[in-house]
N, C-alpha and C. Protein backbone atom coordinates (compact mmCIF):
# COMPACT_ATOMS: atom_id res chain seq x y z
N UNK A 1 14.67 6.88 -0.54
CA UNK A 1 13.25 7.15 -0.44
C UNK A 1 12.54 5.84 -0.09
N UNK A 2 11.60 5.93 0.84
CA UNK A 2 10.80 4.77 1.21
C UNK A 2 9.42 4.89 0.58
N UNK A 3 8.96 3.78 0.01
CA UNK A 3 7.66 3.73 -0.64
C UNK A 3 6.80 2.70 0.07
N UNK A 4 5.57 3.10 0.42
CA UNK A 4 4.61 2.18 1.02
C UNK A 4 3.79 1.57 -0.11
N UNK A 5 3.76 0.23 -0.17
CA UNK A 5 2.93 -0.48 -1.14
C UNK A 5 1.82 -1.20 -0.39
N UNK A 6 0.58 -0.85 -0.73
CA UNK A 6 -0.58 -1.47 -0.12
C UNK A 6 -1.25 -2.34 -1.17
N UNK A 7 -1.43 -3.62 -0.84
CA UNK A 7 -1.97 -4.58 -1.80
C UNK A 7 -3.34 -5.07 -1.35
N UNK A 8 -4.28 -5.04 -2.30
CA UNK A 8 -5.64 -5.47 -2.05
C UNK A 8 -5.98 -6.63 -2.98
N UNK A 9 -6.74 -7.59 -2.49
CA UNK A 9 -7.24 -8.68 -3.32
C UNK A 9 -8.51 -8.19 -4.03
N UNK A 10 -8.68 -8.62 -5.29
CA UNK A 10 -9.88 -8.24 -6.03
C UNK A 10 -10.85 -9.42 -6.09
N UNK A 11 -12.05 -9.13 -6.54
CA UNK A 11 -13.06 -10.18 -6.70
C UNK A 11 -12.65 -11.21 -7.74
N UNK A 12 -11.78 -10.80 -8.69
CA UNK A 12 -11.33 -11.71 -9.76
C UNK A 12 -10.09 -12.51 -9.37
N UNK A 13 -9.63 -12.39 -8.13
CA UNK A 13 -8.46 -13.14 -7.69
C UNK A 13 -7.14 -12.49 -8.06
N UNK A 14 -7.18 -11.23 -8.44
CA UNK A 14 -5.96 -10.50 -8.79
C UNK A 14 -5.58 -9.59 -7.64
N UNK A 15 -4.47 -8.86 -7.83
CA UNK A 15 -4.00 -7.92 -6.81
C UNK A 15 -4.06 -6.50 -7.35
N UNK A 16 -4.58 -5.60 -6.55
CA UNK A 16 -4.64 -4.18 -6.84
C UNK A 16 -3.67 -3.51 -5.88
N UNK A 17 -2.64 -2.80 -6.40
CA UNK A 17 -1.60 -2.23 -5.56
C UNK A 17 -1.61 -0.71 -5.64
N UNK A 18 -1.48 -0.07 -4.49
CA UNK A 18 -1.34 1.38 -4.39
C UNK A 18 0.02 1.65 -3.79
N UNK A 19 0.82 2.51 -4.44
CA UNK A 19 2.14 2.87 -3.94
C UNK A 19 2.18 4.34 -3.57
N UNK A 20 2.68 4.62 -2.38
CA UNK A 20 2.81 5.99 -1.90
C UNK A 20 4.28 6.27 -1.58
N UNK A 21 4.85 7.25 -2.25
CA UNK A 21 6.24 7.63 -2.02
C UNK A 21 6.39 8.40 -0.71
N UNK A 22 7.61 8.40 -0.19
CA UNK A 22 7.98 9.16 1.01
C UNK A 22 7.21 8.70 2.24
N UNK A 23 7.17 7.40 2.45
CA UNK A 23 6.51 6.84 3.63
C UNK A 23 7.23 7.31 4.89
N UNK A 24 6.47 7.57 5.91
CA UNK A 24 7.01 8.01 7.20
C UNK A 24 7.91 6.92 7.78
N UNK A 25 8.98 7.33 8.42
CA UNK A 25 9.96 6.39 9.00
C UNK A 25 9.35 5.46 10.04
N UNK A 26 8.49 5.98 10.90
CA UNK A 26 7.99 5.18 12.03
C UNK A 26 6.58 4.64 11.78
N UNK A 27 6.23 4.40 10.54
CA UNK A 27 4.92 3.86 10.18
C UNK A 27 4.78 2.45 10.73
N UNK A 28 3.63 2.16 11.35
CA UNK A 28 3.44 0.83 11.94
C UNK A 28 2.48 -0.01 11.09
N UNK A 29 2.55 -1.30 11.27
CA UNK A 29 1.66 -2.21 10.55
C UNK A 29 0.20 -1.93 10.92
N UNK A 30 -0.06 -1.62 12.17
CA UNK A 30 -1.42 -1.32 12.61
C UNK A 30 -1.99 -0.09 11.92
N UNK A 31 -1.17 0.95 11.77
CA UNK A 31 -1.62 2.17 11.09
C UNK A 31 -1.96 1.89 9.63
N UNK A 32 -1.11 1.10 8.98
CA UNK A 32 -1.32 0.79 7.56
C UNK A 32 -2.58 -0.06 7.40
N UNK A 33 -2.74 -1.06 8.26
CA UNK A 33 -3.92 -1.92 8.17
C UNK A 33 -5.20 -1.13 8.40
N UNK A 34 -5.19 -0.24 9.37
CA UNK A 34 -6.36 0.60 9.63
C UNK A 34 -6.69 1.48 8.43
N UNK A 35 -5.67 2.07 7.82
CA UNK A 35 -5.87 2.92 6.65
C UNK A 35 -6.42 2.11 5.47
N UNK A 36 -5.88 0.92 5.28
CA UNK A 36 -6.34 0.07 4.17
C UNK A 36 -7.79 -0.36 4.37
N UNK A 37 -8.15 -0.71 5.60
CA UNK A 37 -9.53 -1.09 5.89
C UNK A 37 -10.48 0.08 5.64
N UNK A 38 -10.04 1.30 5.98
CA UNK A 38 -10.86 2.49 5.73
C UNK A 38 -11.04 2.70 4.22
N UNK A 39 -9.99 2.45 3.44
CA UNK A 39 -10.09 2.58 1.99
C UNK A 39 -11.10 1.59 1.42
N UNK A 40 -11.08 0.36 1.95
CA UNK A 40 -12.05 -0.63 1.51
C UNK A 40 -13.47 -0.20 1.87
N UNK A 41 -13.66 0.27 3.09
CA UNK A 41 -14.98 0.68 3.56
C UNK A 41 -15.55 1.83 2.72
N UNK A 42 -14.68 2.76 2.33
CA UNK A 42 -15.12 3.94 1.59
C UNK A 42 -15.12 3.74 0.07
N UNK A 43 -14.60 2.59 -0.39
CA UNK A 43 -14.51 2.30 -1.83
C UNK A 43 -13.87 3.46 -2.59
N UNK A 44 -12.69 3.88 -2.13
CA UNK A 44 -12.03 5.05 -2.69
C UNK A 44 -11.44 4.84 -4.08
N UNK A 45 -10.93 3.66 -4.39
CA UNK A 45 -10.14 3.50 -5.60
C UNK A 45 -10.80 2.68 -6.70
N UNK A 46 -11.44 1.59 -6.36
CA UNK A 46 -12.00 0.74 -7.40
C UNK A 46 -13.08 -0.15 -6.80
N UNK A 47 -14.02 -0.47 -7.62
CA UNK A 47 -15.02 -1.45 -7.18
C UNK A 47 -14.43 -2.84 -7.36
N UNK A 48 -14.92 -3.77 -6.61
CA UNK A 48 -14.46 -5.14 -6.77
C UNK A 48 -13.28 -5.52 -5.89
N UNK A 49 -12.91 -4.66 -4.93
CA UNK A 49 -11.85 -5.05 -4.01
C UNK A 49 -12.46 -5.94 -2.93
N UNK A 50 -11.84 -7.09 -2.72
CA UNK A 50 -12.41 -8.10 -1.84
C UNK A 50 -11.80 -8.08 -0.43
N UNK A 51 -10.58 -7.62 -0.30
CA UNK A 51 -9.94 -7.64 1.01
C UNK A 51 -8.50 -7.20 0.95
N UNK A 52 -7.85 -7.29 2.09
CA UNK A 52 -6.44 -6.92 2.18
C UNK A 52 -5.57 -8.10 1.75
N UNK A 53 -4.51 -7.79 1.02
CA UNK A 53 -3.60 -8.83 0.56
C UNK A 53 -2.23 -8.69 1.21
N UNK A 54 -1.88 -7.48 1.65
CA UNK A 54 -0.59 -7.28 2.30
C UNK A 54 -0.10 -5.86 2.09
N UNK A 55 1.00 -5.55 2.73
CA UNK A 55 1.61 -4.23 2.59
C UNK A 55 3.10 -4.38 2.88
N UNK A 56 3.88 -3.53 2.25
CA UNK A 56 5.31 -3.53 2.54
C UNK A 56 5.91 -2.16 2.28
N UNK A 57 7.09 -1.97 2.83
CA UNK A 57 7.86 -0.75 2.62
C UNK A 57 9.02 -1.10 1.71
N UNK A 58 9.18 -0.35 0.63
CA UNK A 58 10.30 -0.53 -0.29
C UNK A 58 11.27 0.61 -0.03
N UNK A 59 12.50 0.28 0.25
CA UNK A 59 13.54 1.29 0.53
C UNK A 59 14.52 1.30 -0.63
N UNK A 60 14.54 2.43 -1.35
CA UNK A 60 15.45 2.55 -2.49
C UNK A 60 16.55 3.55 -2.15
N UNK A 61 17.75 3.22 -2.54
CA UNK A 61 18.87 4.12 -2.38
C UNK A 61 19.43 4.44 -3.75
N UNK A 62 19.53 5.72 -4.05
CA UNK A 62 20.09 6.16 -5.32
C UNK A 62 21.46 6.75 -5.04
N UNK A 63 22.47 6.26 -5.76
CA UNK A 63 23.84 6.76 -5.60
C UNK A 63 24.25 7.51 -6.86
N UNK A 64 24.39 8.85 -6.77
CA UNK A 64 24.82 9.62 -7.93
C UNK A 64 26.25 9.23 -8.33
N UNK A 65 26.49 9.09 -9.61
CA UNK A 65 27.82 8.74 -10.10
C UNK A 65 28.66 9.98 -10.36
N UNK A 66 28.05 11.08 -10.69
CA UNK A 66 28.80 12.34 -10.85
C UNK A 66 27.85 13.50 -10.77
């Protein structure tokens, strides 16, 4: 499963992270940046977000033992 982590800088100098499971395989950096900027503009999650801090895709593999 791939998870998209979007990181925002806060006014207090901390990081606010949003994680979304099942990220699309062909997701581009431009699409993620545009979405994050829209979230900032609309103030969807929290007040005090100052800007974009970064984003990454986490790829986890689970191997069943039995």
